Amino acid sequence: MSNYQDLLAQRAKLEAQIAAVREEEVARALETIRQLVDEFDLHEEVQFTRARRGAARGVGAQRGPVAAKYRDPGSGATWSGRGKSPAWIAGKDRTKFLIA
């Protein structure tokens, strides 16, 4: 009969195996998807919106807030340049609003 510590060690080993196999299967699935997108020229219809996990950011790393890139001189409101542009900059030359 196994004791508690043995069972915990078995679980840790199993979880590591599960993670490794999952990574391999996800990689194969993504490769299949990319091949199908290329084969049927679906680049306009299919967009990958999530960044791939990797060593550069670390697995599961969270992004922090983005620094402001533009400032409205009238109100002092700022915008990072991501997402929908606010009314005070929409349709205007953005170089005038850049934060130095």
PDB file of N, CA and C in Angstrom:
ATOM      1  N   MET A   1       0.840  -1.174   0.000  1.00  0.00           N
ATOM      2  CA  MET A   1       0.000   0.000   0.000  1.00  0.00           C
ATOM      3  C   MET A   1       0.892   1.246   0.000  1.00  0.00           C
ATOM      4  N   SER A   2       0.545   2.227  -0.808  1.00  0.00           N
ATOM      5  CA  SER A   2       1.334   3.451  -0.915  1.00  0.00           C
ATOM      6  C   SER A   2       1.002   4.406   0.215  1.00  0.00           C
ATOM      7  N   ASN A   3       2.017   5.169   0.612  1.00  0.00           N
ATOM      8  CA  ASN A   3       1.744   6.191   1.607  1.00  0.00           C
ATOM      9  C   ASN A   3       1.448   7.517   0.897  1.00  0.00           C
ATOM     10  N   TYR A   4       1.108   8.498   1.662  1.00  0.00           N
ATOM     11  CA  TYR A   4       0.699   9.793   1.138  1.00  0.00           C
ATOM     12  C   TYR A   4       1.773  10.430   0.264  1.00  0.00           C
ATOM     13  N   GLN A   5       3.019  10.434   0.703  1.00  0.00           N
ATOM     14  CA  GLN A   5       4.116  11.040  -0.049  1.00  0.00           C
ATOM     15  C   GLN A   5       4.344  10.333  -1.388  1.00  0.00           C
ATOM     16  N   ASP A   6       4.224   9.006  -1.392  1.00  0.00           N
ATOM     17  CA  ASP A   6       4.360   8.258  -2.645  1.00  0.00           C
ATOM     18  C   ASP A   6       3.269   8.649  -3.638  1.00  0.00           C
ATOM     19  N   LEU A   7       2.059   8.763  -3.138  1.00  0.00           N
ATOM     20  CA  LEU A   7       0.939   9.137  -4.006  1.00  0.00           C
ATOM     21  C   LEU A   7       1.109  10.554  -4.564  1.00  0.00           C
ATOM     22  N   LEU A   8       1.610  11.477  -3.742  1.00  0.00           N
ATOM     23  CA  LEU A   8       1.867  12.835  -4.218  1.00  0.00           C
ATOM     24  C   LEU A   8       2.934  12.844  -5.309  1.00  0.00           C
ATOM     25  N   ALA A   9       3.972  12.030  -5.129  1.00  0.00           N
ATOM     26  CA  ALA A   9       5.034  11.947  -6.131  1.00  0.00           C
ATOM     27  C   ALA A   9       4.499  11.362  -7.427  1.00  0.00           C
ATOM     28  N   GLN A  10       3.645  10.346  -7.329  1.00  0.00           N
ATOM     29  CA  GLN A  10       3.031   9.756  -8.520  1.00  0.00           C
ATOM     30  C   GLN A  10       2.166  10.783  -9.253  1.00  0.00           C
ATOM     31  N   ARG A  11       1.400  11.550  -8.475  1.00  0.00           N
ATOM     32  CA  ARG A  11       0.540  12.573  -9.070  1.00  0.00           C
ATOM     33  C   ARG A  11       1.368  13.627  -9.791  1.00  0.00           C
ATOM     34  N   ALA A  12       2.469  14.069  -9.174  1.00  0.00           N
ATOM     35  CA  ALA A  12       3.322  15.082  -9.802  1.00  0.00           C
ATOM     36  C   ALA A  12       3.907  14.555 -11.109  1.00  0.00           C
ATOM     37  N   LYS A  13       4.322  13.287 -11.105  1.00  0.00           N
ATOM     38  CA  LYS A  13       4.876  12.687 -12.313  1.00  0.00           C
ATOM     39  C   LYS A  13       3.808  12.589 -13.404  1.00  0.00           C
ATOM     40  N   LEU A  14       2.616  12.178 -13.027  1.00  0.00           N
ATOM     41  CA  LEU A  14       1.512  12.082 -13.982  1.00  0.00           C
ATOM     42  C   LEU A  14       1.140  13.443 -14.552  1.00  0.00           C
ATOM     43  N   GLU A  15       1.082  14.459 -13.698  1.00  0.00           N
ATOM     44  CA  GLU A  15       0.748  15.808 -14.164  1.00  0.00           C
ATOM     45  C   GLU A  15       1.795  16.323 -15.143  1.00  0.00           C
ATOM     46  N   ALA A  16       3.057  16.016 -14.914  1.00  0.00           N
ATOM     47  CA  ALA A  16       4.111  16.421 -15.845  1.00  0.00           C
ATOM     48  C   ALA A  16       3.953  15.700 -17.179  1.00  0.00           C
ATOM     49  N   GLN A  17       3.618  14.417 -17.137  1.00  0.00           N
ATOM     50  CA  GLN A  17       3.396  13.660 -18.367  1.00  0.00           C
ATOM     51  C   GLN A  17       2.185  14.211 -19.128  1.00  0.00           C
ATOM     52  N   ILE A  18       1.123  14.505 -18.408  1.00  0.00           N
ATOM     53  CA  ILE A  18      -0.085  15.060 -19.030  1.00  0.00           C
ATOM     54  C   ILE A  18       0.243  16.377 -19.716  1.00  0.00           C
ATOM     55  N   ALA A  19       0.976  17.251 -19.053  1.00  0.00           N
ATOM     56  CA  ALA A  19       1.331  18.550 -19.628  1.00  0.00           C
ATOM     57  C   ALA A  19       2.180  18.385 -20.883  1.00  0.00           C
ATOM     58  N   ALA A  20       3.126  17.467 -20.862  1.00  0.00           N
ATOM     59  CA  ALA A  20       4.003  17.256 -22.018  1.00  0.00           C
ATOM     60  C   ALA A  20       3.217  16.720 -23.208  1.00  0.00           C
ATOM     61  N   VAL A  21       2.348  15.758 -22.968  1.00  0.00           N
ATOM     62  CA  VAL A  21       1.551  15.187 -24.058  1.00  0.00           C
ATOM     63  C   VAL A  21       0.580  16.232 -24.599  1.00  0.00           C
ATOM     64  N   ARG A  22       0.003  17.028 -23.720  1.00  0.00           N
ATOM     65  CA  ARG A  22      -0.924  18.076 -24.165  1.00  0.00           C
ATOM     66  C   ARG A  22      -0.201  19.073 -25.065  1.00  0.00           C
ATOM     67  N   GLU A  23       1.000  19.484 -24.668  1.00  0.00           N
ATOM     68  CA  GLU A  23       1.777  20.426 -25.486  1.00  0.00           C
ATOM     69  C   GLU A  23       2.033  19.868 -26.878  1.00  0.00           C
ATOM     70  N   GLU A  24       2.382  18.582 -26.944  1.00  0.00           N
ATOM     71  CA  GLU A  24       2.626  17.949 -28.239  1.00  0.00           C
ATOM     72  C   GLU A  24       1.363  17.923 -29.087  1.00  0.00           C
ATOM     73  N   GLU A  25       0.232  17.577 -28.480  1.00  0.00           N
ATOM     74  CA  GLU A  25      -1.018  17.498 -29.226  1.00  0.00           C
ATOM     75  C   GLU A  25      -1.492  18.878 -29.678  1.00  0.00           C
ATOM     76  N   VAL A  26      -1.323  19.880 -28.834  1.00  0.00           N
ATOM     77  CA  VAL A  26      -1.692  21.242 -29.220  1.00  0.00           C
ATOM     78  C   VAL A  26      -0.821  21.714 -30.381  1.00  0.00           C
ATOM     79  N   ALA A  27       0.475  21.413 -30.319  1.00  0.00           N
ATOM     80  CA  ALA A  27       1.374  21.802 -31.411  1.00  0.00           C
ATOM     81  C   ALA A  27       0.957  21.142 -32.714  1.00  0.00           C
ATOM     82  N   ARG A  28       0.602  19.859 -32.664  1.00  0.00           N
ATOM     83  CA  ARG A  28       0.145  19.156 -33.873  1.00  0.00           C
ATOM     84  C   ARG A  28      -1.159  19.763 -34.390  1.00  0.00           C
ATOM     85  N   ALA A  29      -2.085  20.070 -33.483  1.00  0.00           N
ATOM     86  CA  ALA A  29      -3.361  20.651 -33.891  1.00  0.00           C
ATOM     87  C   ALA A  29      -3.146  22.014 -34.541  1.00  0.00           C
ATOM     88  N   LEU A  30      -2.292  22.849 -33.968  1.00  0.00           N
ATOM     89  CA  LEU A  30      -2.016  24.160 -34.549  1.00  0.00           C
ATOM     90  C   LEU A  30      -1.358  24.043 -35.914  1.00  0.00           C
ATOM     91  N   GLU A  31      -0.468  23.074 -36.073  1.00  0.00           N
ATOM     92  CA  GLU A  31       0.173  22.867 -37.365  1.00  0.00           C
ATOM     93  C   GLU A  31      -0.851  22.445 -38.411  1.00  0.00           C
ATOM     94  N   THR A  32      -1.773  21.579 -38.034  1.00  0.00           N
ATOM     95  CA  THR A  32      -2.841  21.166 -38.943  1.00  0.00           C
ATOM     96  C   THR A  32      -3.705  22.361 -39.344  1.00  0.00           C
ATOM     97  N   ILE A  33      -4.038  23.187 -38.371  1.00  0.00           N
ATOM     98  CA  ILE A  33      -4.848  24.380 -38.651  1.00  0.00           C
ATOM     99  C   ILE A  33      -4.104  25.303 -39.603  1.00  0.00           C
ATOM    100  N   ARG A  34      -2.833  25.538 -39.347  1.00  0.00           N
ATOM    101  CA  ARG A  34      -2.059  26.426 -40.218  1.00  0.00           C
ATOM    102  C   ARG A  34      -1.972  25.861 -41.640  1.00  0.00           C
ATOM    103  N   GLN A  35      -1.797  24.553 -41.759  1.00  0.00           N
ATOM    104  CA  GLN A  35      -1.740  23.934 -43.085  1.00  0.00           C
ATOM    105  C   GLN A  35      -3.064  24.108 -43.828  1.00  0.00           C
ATOM    106  N   LEU A  36      -4.179  23.926 -43.117  1.00  0.00           N
ATOM    107  CA  LEU A  36      -5.488  24.091 -43.750  1.00  0.00           C
ATOM    108  C   LEU A  36      -5.728  25.539 -44.162  1.00  0.00           C
ATOM    109  N   VAL A  37      -5.315  26.479 -43.322  1.00  0.00           N
ATOM    110  CA  VAL A  37      -5.457  27.902 -43.661  1.00  0.00           C
ATOM    111  C   VAL A  37      -4.661  28.202 -44.926  1.00  0.00           C
ATOM    112  N   ASP A  38      -3.439  27.686 -45.007  1.00  0.00           N
ATOM    113  CA  ASP A  38      -2.619  27.892 -46.199  1.00  0.00           C
ATOM    114  C   ASP A  38      -3.225  27.199 -47.422  1.00  0.00           C
ATOM    115  N   GLU A  39      -3.652  25.959 -47.244  1.00  0.00           N
ATOM    116  CA  GLU A  39      -4.173  25.169 -48.361  1.00  0.00           C
ATOM    117  C   GLU A  39      -5.402  25.813 -48.994  1.00  0.00           C
ATOM    118  N   PHE A  40      -6.285  26.353 -48.167  1.00  0.00           N
ATOM    119  CA  PHE A  40      -7.527  26.939 -48.670  1.00  0.00           C
ATOM    120  C   PHE A  40      -7.469  28.464 -48.749  1.00  0.00           C
ATOM    121  N   ASP A  41      -6.279  29.032 -48.529  1.00  0.00           N
ATOM    122  CA  ASP A  41      -6.069  30.479 -48.582  1.00  0.00           C
ATOM    123  C   ASP A  41      -7.106  31.227 -47.741  1.00  0.00           C
ATOM    124  N   LEU A  42      -7.155  30.876 -46.475  1.00  0.00           N
ATOM    125  CA  LEU A  42      -8.132  31.450 -45.546  1.00  0.00           C
ATOM    126  C   LEU A  42      -7.526  32.522 -44.645  1.00  0.00           C
ATOM    127  N   HIS A  43      -6.470  33.145 -45.089  1.00  0.00           N
ATOM    128  CA  HIS A  43      -5.765  34.114 -44.244  1.00  0.00           C
ATOM    129  C   HIS A  43      -6.647  35.298 -43.879  1.00  0.00           C
ATOM    130  N   GLU A  44      -7.547  35.709 -44.760  1.00  0.00           N
ATOM    131  CA  GLU A  44      -8.444  36.833 -44.458  1.00  0.00           C
ATOM    132  C   GLU A  44      -9.556  36.410 -43.505  1.00  0.00           C
ATOM    133  N   GLU A  45     -10.013  35.168 -43.616  1.00  0.00           N
ATOM    134  CA  GLU A  45     -11.143  34.695 -42.814  1.00  0.00           C
ATOM    135  C   GLU A  45     -10.731  34.241 -41.422  1.00  0.00           C
ATOM    136  N   VAL A  46      -9.523  33.707 -41.295  1.00  0.00           N
ATOM    137  CA  VAL A  46      -9.065  33.145 -40.019  1.00  0.00           C
ATOM    138  C   VAL A  46      -7.976  34.034 -39.448  1.00  0.00           C
ATOM    139  N   GLN A  47      -8.204  34.507 -38.253  1.00  0.00           N
ATOM    140  CA  GLN A  47      -7.209  35.337 -37.586  1.00  0.00           C
ATOM    141  C   GLN A  47      -6.922  34.741 -36.219  1.00  0.00           C
ATOM    142  N   PHE A  48      -5.656  34.552 -35.940  1.00  0.00           N
ATOM    143  CA  PHE A  48      -5.253  34.070 -34.629  1.00  0.00           C
ATOM    144  C   PHE A  48      -5.087  35.289 -33.739  1.00  0.00           C
ATOM    145  N   THR A  49      -5.910  35.383 -32.709  1.00  0.00           N
ATOM    146  CA  THR A  49      -5.907  36.591 -31.893  1.00  0.00           C
ATOM    147  C   THR A  49      -5.103  36.464 -30.609  1.00  0.00           C
ATOM    148  N   ARG A  50      -4.862  35.262 -30.159  1.00  0.00           N
ATOM    149  CA  ARG A  50      -4.083  35.102 -28.930  1.00  0.00           C
ATOM    150  C   ARG A  50      -2.624  34.909 -29.279  1.00  0.00           C
ATOM    151  N   ALA A  51      -1.765  35.576 -28.544  1.00  0.00           N
ATOM    152  CA  ALA A  51      -0.324  35.413 -28.755  1.00  0.00           C
ATOM    153  C   ALA A  51       0.084  34.017 -28.330  1.00  0.00           C
ATOM    154  N   ARG A  52       1.032  33.465 -29.052  1.00  0.00           N
ATOM    155  CA  ARG A  52       1.531  32.145 -28.680  1.00  0.00           C
ATOM    156  C   ARG A  52       2.358  32.246 -27.411  1.00  0.00           C
ATOM    157  N   ARG A  53       2.250  31.260 -26.583  1.00  0.00           N
ATOM    158  CA  ARG A  53       3.057  31.211 -25.366  1.00  0.00           C
ATOM    159  C   ARG A  53       4.475  30.827 -25.747  1.00  0.00           C
ATOM    160  N   GLY A  54       5.435  31.362 -25.020  1.00  0.00           N
ATOM    161  CA  GLY A  54       6.805  31.014 -25.338  1.00  0.00           C
ATOM    162  C   GLY A  54       7.753  31.458 -24.254  1.00  0.00           C
ATOM    163  N   ALA A  55       9.010  31.222 -24.508  1.00  0.00           N
ATOM    164  CA  ALA A  55      10.030  31.535 -23.516  1.00  0.00           C
ATOM    165  C   ALA A  55      10.198  33.038 -23.324  1.00  0.00           C
ATOM    166  N   ALA A  56       9.913  33.822 -24.366  1.00  0.00           N
ATOM    167  CA  ALA A  56      10.124  35.261 -24.267  1.00  0.00           C
ATOM    168  C   ALA A  56       9.243  35.887 -23.192  1.00  0.00           C
ATOM    169  N   ARG A  57       7.991  35.468 -23.136  1.00  0.00           N
ATOM    170  CA  ARG A  57       7.072  36.022 -22.145  1.00  0.00           C
ATOM    171  C   ARG A  57       6.883  35.099 -20.969  1.00  0.00           C
ATOM    172  N   GLY A  58       7.249  33.850 -21.120  1.00  0.00           N
ATOM    173  CA  GLY A  58       7.016  32.873 -20.069  1.00  0.00           C
ATOM    174  C   GLY A  58       5.638  32.269 -20.247  1.00  0.00           C
ATOM    175  N   VAL A  59       5.516  31.024 -19.920  1.00  0.00           N
ATOM    176  CA  VAL A  59       4.253  30.331 -20.084  1.00  0.00           C
ATOM    177  C   VAL A  59       3.248  30.901 -19.100  1.00  0.00           C
ATOM    178  N   GLY A  60       2.112  31.343 -19.632  1.00  0.00           N
ATOM    179  CA  GLY A  60       1.059  31.875 -18.784  1.00  0.00           C
ATOM    180  C   GLY A  60       1.322  33.255 -18.240  1.00  0.00           C
ATOM    181  N   ALA A  61       2.304  33.954 -18.779  1.00  0.00           N
ATOM    182  CA  ALA A  61       2.638  35.286 -18.274  1.00  0.00           C
ATOM    183  C   ALA A  61       1.489  36.253 -18.542  1.00  0.00           C
ATOM    184  N   GLN A  62       1.262  37.141 -17.632  1.00  0.00           N
ATOM    185  CA  GLN A  62       0.216  38.146 -17.776  1.00  0.00           C
ATOM    186  C   GLN A  62       0.827  39.429 -18.304  1.00  0.00           C
ATOM    187  N   ARG A  63       0.102  40.085 -19.176  1.00  0.00           N
ATOM    188  CA  ARG A  63       0.565  41.374 -19.675  1.00  0.00           C
ATOM    189  C   ARG A  63       0.169  42.467 -18.694  1.00  0.00           C
ATOM    190  N   GLY A  64       1.017  43.444 -18.571  1.00  0.00           N
ATOM    191  CA  GLY A  64       0.704  44.569 -17.715  1.00  0.00           C
ATOM    192  C   GLY A  64       0.065  45.688 -18.527  1.00  0.00           C
ATOM    193  N   PRO A  65      -0.275  46.764 -17.884  1.00  0.00           N
ATOM    194  CA  PRO A  65      -0.857  47.887 -18.611  1.00  0.00           C
ATOM    195  C   PRO A  65       0.156  48.486 -19.577  1.00  0.00           C
ATOM    196  N   VAL A  66      -0.356  49.052 -20.658  1.00  0.00           N
ATOM    197  CA  VAL A  66       0.484  49.650 -21.685  1.00  0.00           C
ATOM    198  C   VAL A  66       0.599  51.148 -21.413  1.00  0.00           C
ATOM    199  N   ALA A  67       1.795  51.684 -21.581  1.00  0.00           N
ATOM    200  CA  ALA A  67       2.018  53.109 -21.346  1.00  0.00           C
ATOM    201  C   ALA A  67       1.260  53.944 -22.369  1.00  0.00           C
ATOM    202  N   ALA A  68       0.845  55.116 -21.963  1.00  0.00           N
ATOM    203  CA  ALA A  68       0.131  56.033 -22.857  1.00  0.00           C
ATOM    204  C   ALA A  68       1.073  56.517 -23.955  1.00  0.00           C
ATOM    205  N   LYS A  69       0.547  56.598 -25.169  1.00  0.00           N
ATOM    206  CA  LYS A  69       1.332  57.030 -26.309  1.00  0.00           C
ATOM    207  C   LYS A  69       0.848  58.387 -26.828  1.00  0.00           C
ATOM    208  N   TYR A  70      -0.414  58.691 -26.595  1.00  0.00           N
ATOM    209  CA  TYR A  70      -1.015  59.938 -27.085  1.00  0.00           C
ATOM    210  C   TYR A  70      -1.690  60.671 -25.930  1.00  0.00           C
ATOM    211  N   ARG A  71      -1.672  62.026 -26.002  1.00  0.00           N
ATOM    212  CA  ARG A  71      -2.330  62.852 -24.977  1.00  0.00           C
ATOM    213  C   ARG A  71      -3.119  63.954 -25.660  1.00  0.00           C
ATOM    214  N   ASP A  72      -4.350  64.153 -25.164  1.00  0.00           N
ATOM    215  CA  ASP A  72      -5.185  65.242 -25.653  1.00  0.00           C
ATOM    216  C   ASP A  72      -4.755  66.512 -24.924  1.00  0.00           C
ATOM    217  N   PRO A  73      -4.233  67.526 -25.648  1.00  0.00           N
ATOM    218  CA  PRO A  73      -3.765  68.731 -24.962  1.00  0.00           C
ATOM    219  C   PRO A  73      -4.873  69.492 -24.260  1.00  0.00           C
ATOM    220  N   GLY A  74      -6.096  69.371 -24.742  1.00  0.00           N
ATOM    221  CA  GLY A  74      -7.207  70.099 -24.126  1.00  0.00           C
ATOM    222  C   GLY A  74      -7.641  69.516 -22.798  1.00  0.00           C
ATOM    223  N   SER A  75      -7.892  68.220 -22.780  1.00  0.00           N
ATOM    224  CA  SER A  75      -8.421  67.595 -21.567  1.00  0.00           C
ATOM    225  C   SER A  75      -7.361  66.862 -20.748  1.00  0.00           C
ATOM    226  N   GLY A  76      -6.225  66.561 -21.374  1.00  0.00           N
ATOM    227  CA  GLY A  76      -5.192  65.801 -20.680  1.00  0.00           C
ATOM    228  C   GLY A  76      -5.433  64.296 -20.727  1.00  0.00           C
ATOM    229  N   ALA A  77      -6.495  63.870 -21.414  1.00  0.00           N
ATOM    230  CA  ALA A  77      -6.798  62.446 -21.526  1.00  0.00           C
ATOM    231  C   ALA A  77      -5.692  61.764 -22.333  1.00  0.00           C
ATOM    232  N   THR A  78      -5.422  60.502 -22.002  1.00  0.00           N
ATOM    233  CA  THR A  78      -4.376  59.759 -22.706  1.00  0.00           C
ATOM    234  C   THR A  78      -4.971  58.525 -23.352  1.00  0.00           C
ATOM    235  N   TRP A  79      -4.198  57.987 -24.324  1.00  0.00           N
ATOM    236  CA  TRP A  79      -4.586  56.767 -25.017  1.00  0.00           C
ATOM    237  C   TRP A  79      -3.318  56.005 -25.368  1.00  0.00           C
ATOM    238  N   SER A  80      -3.359  54.691 -25.220  1.00  0.00           N
ATOM    239  CA  SER A  80      -2.181  53.856 -25.479  1.00  0.00           C
ATOM    240  C   SER A  80      -1.958  53.580 -26.957  1.00  0.00           C
ATOM    241  N   GLY A  81      -2.952  53.814 -27.780  1.00  0.00           N
ATOM    242  CA  GLY A  81      -2.845  53.486 -29.190  1.00  0.00           C
ATOM    243  C   GLY A  81      -3.426  52.125 -29.503  1.00  0.00           C
ATOM    244  N   ARG A  82      -3.936  51.455 -28.498  1.00  0.00           N
ATOM    245  CA  ARG A  82      -4.563  50.142 -28.677  1.00  0.00           C
ATOM    246  C   ARG A  82      -6.063  50.271 -28.499  1.00  0.00           C
ATOM    247  N   GLY A  83      -6.776  49.426 -29.227  1.00  0.00           N
ATOM    248  CA  GLY A  83      -8.225  49.440 -29.120  1.00  0.00           C
ATOM    249  C   GLY A  83      -8.821  50.569 -29.951  1.00  0.00           C
ATOM    250  N   LYS A  84     -10.105  50.792 -29.770  1.00  0.00           N
ATOM    251  CA  LYS A  84     -10.802  51.835 -30.519  1.00  0.00           C
ATOM    252  C   LYS A  84     -10.265  53.204 -30.100  1.00  0.00           C
ATOM    253  N   SER A  85     -10.014  54.039 -31.098  1.00  0.00           N
ATOM    254  CA  SER A  85      -9.469  55.363 -30.793  1.00  0.00           C
ATOM    255  C   SER A  85     -10.555  56.251 -30.189  1.00  0.00           C
ATOM    256  N   PRO A  86     -10.188  57.079 -29.201  1.00  0.00           N
ATOM    257  CA  PRO A  86     -11.157  57.977 -28.584  1.00  0.00           C
ATOM    258  C   PRO A  86     -11.554  59.097 -29.558  1.00  0.00           C
ATOM    259  N   ALA A  87     -12.672  59.718 -29.282  1.00  0.00           N
ATOM    260  CA  ALA A  87     -13.225  60.746 -30.172  1.00  0.00           C
ATOM    261  C   ALA A  87     -12.246  61.907 -30.382  1.00  0.00           C
ATOM    262  N   TRP A  88     -11.458  62.265 -29.379  1.00  0.00           N
ATOM    263  CA  TRP A  88     -10.581  63.422 -29.501  1.00  0.00           C
ATOM    264  C   TRP A  88      -9.425  63.202 -30.470  1.00  0.00           C
ATOM    265  N   ILE A  89      -9.174  61.950 -30.901  1.00  0.00           N
ATOM    266  CA  ILE A  89      -8.081  61.686 -31.836  1.00  0.00           C
ATOM    267  C   ILE A  89      -8.574  61.027 -33.127  1.00  0.00           C
ATOM    268  N   ALA A  90      -9.787  60.544 -33.121  1.00  0.00           N
ATOM    269  CA  ALA A  90     -10.319  59.815 -34.275  1.00  0.00           C
ATOM    270  C   ALA A  90     -10.308  60.689 -35.529  1.00  0.00           C
ATOM    271  N   GLY A  91      -9.708  60.187 -36.593  1.00  0.00           N
ATOM    272  CA  GLY A  91      -9.689  60.877 -37.879  1.00  0.00           C
ATOM    273  C   GLY A  91      -8.721  62.040 -37.964  1.00  0.00           C
ATOM    274  N   LYS A  92      -7.892  62.228 -36.946  1.00  0.00           N
ATOM    275  CA  LYS A  92      -6.952  63.351 -36.938  1.00  0.00           C
ATOM    276  C   LYS A  92      -5.524  62.837 -37.085  1.00  0.00           C
ATOM    277  N   ASP A  93      -4.609  63.737 -37.367  1.00  0.00           N
ATOM    278  CA  ASP A  93      -3.190  63.390 -37.472  1.00  0.00           C
ATOM    279  C   ASP A  93      -2.665  63.089 -36.061  1.00  0.00           C
ATOM    280  N   ARG A  94      -2.313  61.853 -35.842  1.00  0.00           N
ATOM    281  CA  ARG A  94      -1.917  61.415 -34.495  1.00  0.00           C
ATOM    282  C   ARG A  94      -0.556  61.944 -34.073  1.00  0.00           C
ATOM    283  N   THR A  95       0.267  62.351 -35.009  1.00  0.00           N
ATOM    284  CA  THR A  95       1.602  62.839 -34.640  1.00  0.00           C
ATOM    285  C   THR A  95       1.514  64.076 -33.743  1.00  0.00           C
ATOM    286  N   LYS A  96       0.443  64.836 -33.889  1.00  0.00           N
ATOM    287  CA  LYS A  96       0.280  66.033 -33.045  1.00  0.00           C
ATOM    288  C   LYS A  96      -0.020  65.690 -31.602  1.00  0.00           C
ATOM    289  N   PHE A  97      -0.463  64.463 -31.359  1.00  0.00           N
ATOM    290  CA  PHE A  97      -0.860  64.048 -30.012  1.00  0.00           C
ATOM    291  C   PHE A  97       0.165  63.157 -29.332  1.00  0.00           C
ATOM    292  N   LEU A  98       1.266  62.840 -30.009  1.00  0.00           N
ATOM    293  CA  LEU A  98       2.274  61.952 -29.426  1.00  0.00           C
ATOM    294  C   LEU A  98       2.866  62.522 -28.146  1.00  0.00           C
ATOM    295  N   ILE A  99       3.071  61.658 -27.175  1.00  0.00           N
ATOM    296  CA  ILE A  99       3.719  62.054 -25.932  1.00  0.00           C
ATOM    297  C   ILE A  99       5.227  61.936 -26.152  1.00  0.00           C
ATOM    298  N   ALA A 100       5.947  62.991 -25.868  1.00  0.00           N
ATOM    299  CA  ALA A 100       7.401  63.015 -26.111  1.00  0.00           C
ATOM    300  C   ALA A 100       8.140  62.081 -25.186  1.00  0.00           C
TER     301      ALA A 100
END
